[in-house]
Amino acid sequence: MINRDYLALIGTGLVSIGFLVAGIFNVLDYLIIKAILFGAFATLFLFVLISMLTKPEDKENYQQ
């Protein structure tokens, strides 16, 4: 099962690759591309913030 750490890493990688590809193809100047990438970044930030504020319910089986 995928835990929170793997999801955060996958999200970070996708946002980073999105910025890289948009920069290479010179489409980063378009407003819709900026909105999509920054929206993904904001979503990832909220996910990490919520994960930090919530505590795992089962501490015995929680992987750190």
C-alpha atoms as a PDB file:
ATOM      1  CA  MET A   1       0.000   0.000   0.000  1.00  0.00           C
ATOM      2  CA  ILE A   2       1.244   3.469  -0.855  1.00  0.00           C
ATOM      3  CA  ASN A   3       1.727   5.636   2.211  1.00  0.00           C
ATOM      4  CA  ARG A   4       1.739   9.421   2.526  1.00  0.00           C
ATOM      5  CA  ASP A   5       5.473   9.769   1.970  1.00  0.00           C
ATOM      6  CA  TYR A   6       5.352   8.042  -1.410  1.00  0.00           C
ATOM      7  CA  LEU A   7       2.373  10.133  -2.497  1.00  0.00           C
ATOM      8  CA  ALA A   8       4.196  13.338  -1.569  1.00  0.00           C
ATOM      9  CA  LEU A   9       7.289  12.220  -3.477  1.00  0.00           C
ATOM     10  CA  ILE A  10       5.256  11.307  -6.550  1.00  0.00           C
ATOM     11  CA  GLY A  11       3.430  14.655  -6.431  1.00  0.00           C
ATOM     12  CA  THR A  12       6.669  16.593  -6.055  1.00  0.00           C
ATOM     13  CA  GLY A  13       8.214  14.740  -8.976  1.00  0.00           C
ATOM     14  CA  LEU A  14       5.225  15.397 -11.225  1.00  0.00           C
ATOM     15  CA  VAL A  15       5.143  19.116 -10.406  1.00  0.00           C
ATOM     16  CA  SER A  16       8.919  19.392 -10.975  1.00  0.00           C
ATOM     17  CA  ILE A  17       8.712  17.572 -14.303  1.00  0.00           C
ATOM     18  CA  GLY A  18       5.781  19.807 -15.276  1.00  0.00           C
ATOM     19  CA  PHE A  19       7.821  22.950 -14.639  1.00  0.00           C
ATOM     20  CA  LEU A  20      10.798  21.487 -16.524  1.00  0.00           C
ATOM     21  CA  VAL A  21       8.784  20.473 -19.580  1.00  0.00           C
ATOM     22  CA  ALA A  22       6.869  23.767 -19.642  1.00  0.00           C
ATOM     23  CA  GLY A  23      10.157  25.675 -19.452  1.00  0.00           C
ATOM     24  CA  ILE A  24      11.784  23.621 -22.210  1.00  0.00           C
ATOM     25  CA  PHE A  25       8.873  24.117 -24.607  1.00  0.00           C
ATOM     26  CA  ASN A  26       8.535  27.836 -23.737  1.00  0.00           C
ATOM     27  CA  VAL A  27       4.907  27.485 -22.720  1.00  0.00           C
ATOM     28  CA  LEU A  28       5.475  28.626 -19.140  1.00  0.00           C
ATOM     29  CA  ASP A  29       4.464  32.154 -20.177  1.00  0.00           C
ATOM     30  CA  TYR A  30       0.880  31.075 -20.896  1.00  0.00           C
ATOM     31  CA  LEU A  31      -1.552  31.861 -18.097  1.00  0.00           C
ATOM     32  CA  ILE A  32      -3.321  28.481 -18.178  1.00  0.00           C
ATOM     33  CA  ILE A  33      -0.020  26.590 -17.843  1.00  0.00           C
ATOM     34  CA  LYS A  34       0.974  28.770 -14.907  1.00  0.00           C
ATOM     35  CA  ALA A  35      -2.410  28.201 -13.288  1.00  0.00           C
ATOM     36  CA  ILE A  36      -2.185  24.417 -13.695  1.00  0.00           C
ATOM     37  CA  LEU A  37       1.368  24.156 -12.359  1.00  0.00           C
ATOM     38  CA  PHE A  38       0.887  26.536  -9.452  1.00  0.00           C
ATOM     39  CA  GLY A  39      -2.431  24.859  -8.643  1.00  0.00           C
ATOM     40  CA  ALA A  40      -0.627  21.513  -8.486  1.00  0.00           C
ATOM     41  CA  PHE A  41       2.016  23.080  -6.258  1.00  0.00           C
ATOM     42  CA  ALA A  42      -0.639  24.539  -3.950  1.00  0.00           C
ATOM     43  CA  THR A  43      -2.418  21.178  -3.784  1.00  0.00           C
ATOM     44  CA  LEU A  44       0.837  19.448  -2.897  1.00  0.00           C
ATOM     45  CA  PHE A  45       1.545  22.074  -0.229  1.00  0.00           C
ATOM     46  CA  LEU A  46      -1.894  21.576   1.312  1.00  0.00           C
ATOM     47  CA  PHE A  47      -1.440  17.805   1.238  1.00  0.00           C
ATOM     48  CA  VAL A  48       1.848  18.076   3.111  1.00  0.00           C
ATOM     49  CA  LEU A  49       0.401  20.565   5.580  1.00  0.00           C
ATOM     50  CA  ILE A  50      -2.588  18.335   6.325  1.00  0.00           C
ATOM     51  CA  SER A  51      -0.333  15.293   6.661  1.00  0.00           C
ATOM     52  CA  MET A  52       1.841  17.114   9.167  1.00  0.00           C
ATOM     53  CA  LEU A  53      -1.106  18.299  11.243  1.00  0.00           C
ATOM     54  CA  THR A  54      -2.947  14.981  11.396  1.00  0.00           C
ATOM     55  CA  LYS A  55      -1.589  12.215  13.512  1.00  0.00           C
ATOM     56  CA  PRO A  56      -1.699   8.583  12.423  1.00  0.00           C
ATOM     57  CA  GLU A  57      -4.488   6.643  14.086  1.00  0.00           C
ATOM     58  CA  ASP A  58      -2.548   3.427  14.534  1.00  0.00           C
ATOM     59  CA  LYS A  59       0.901   4.296  15.870  1.00  0.00           C
ATOM     60  CA  GLU A  60       2.067   0.674  16.038  1.00  0.00           C
ATOM     61  CA  ASN A  61       1.744   0.071  12.301  1.00  0.00           C
ATOM     62  CA  TYR A  62       2.794   3.550  11.186  1.00  0.00           C
ATOM     63  CA  GLN A  63       5.923   3.575   9.010  1.00  0.00           C
ATOM     64  CA  GLN A  64       8.249   6.473   9.555  1.00  0.00           C
END
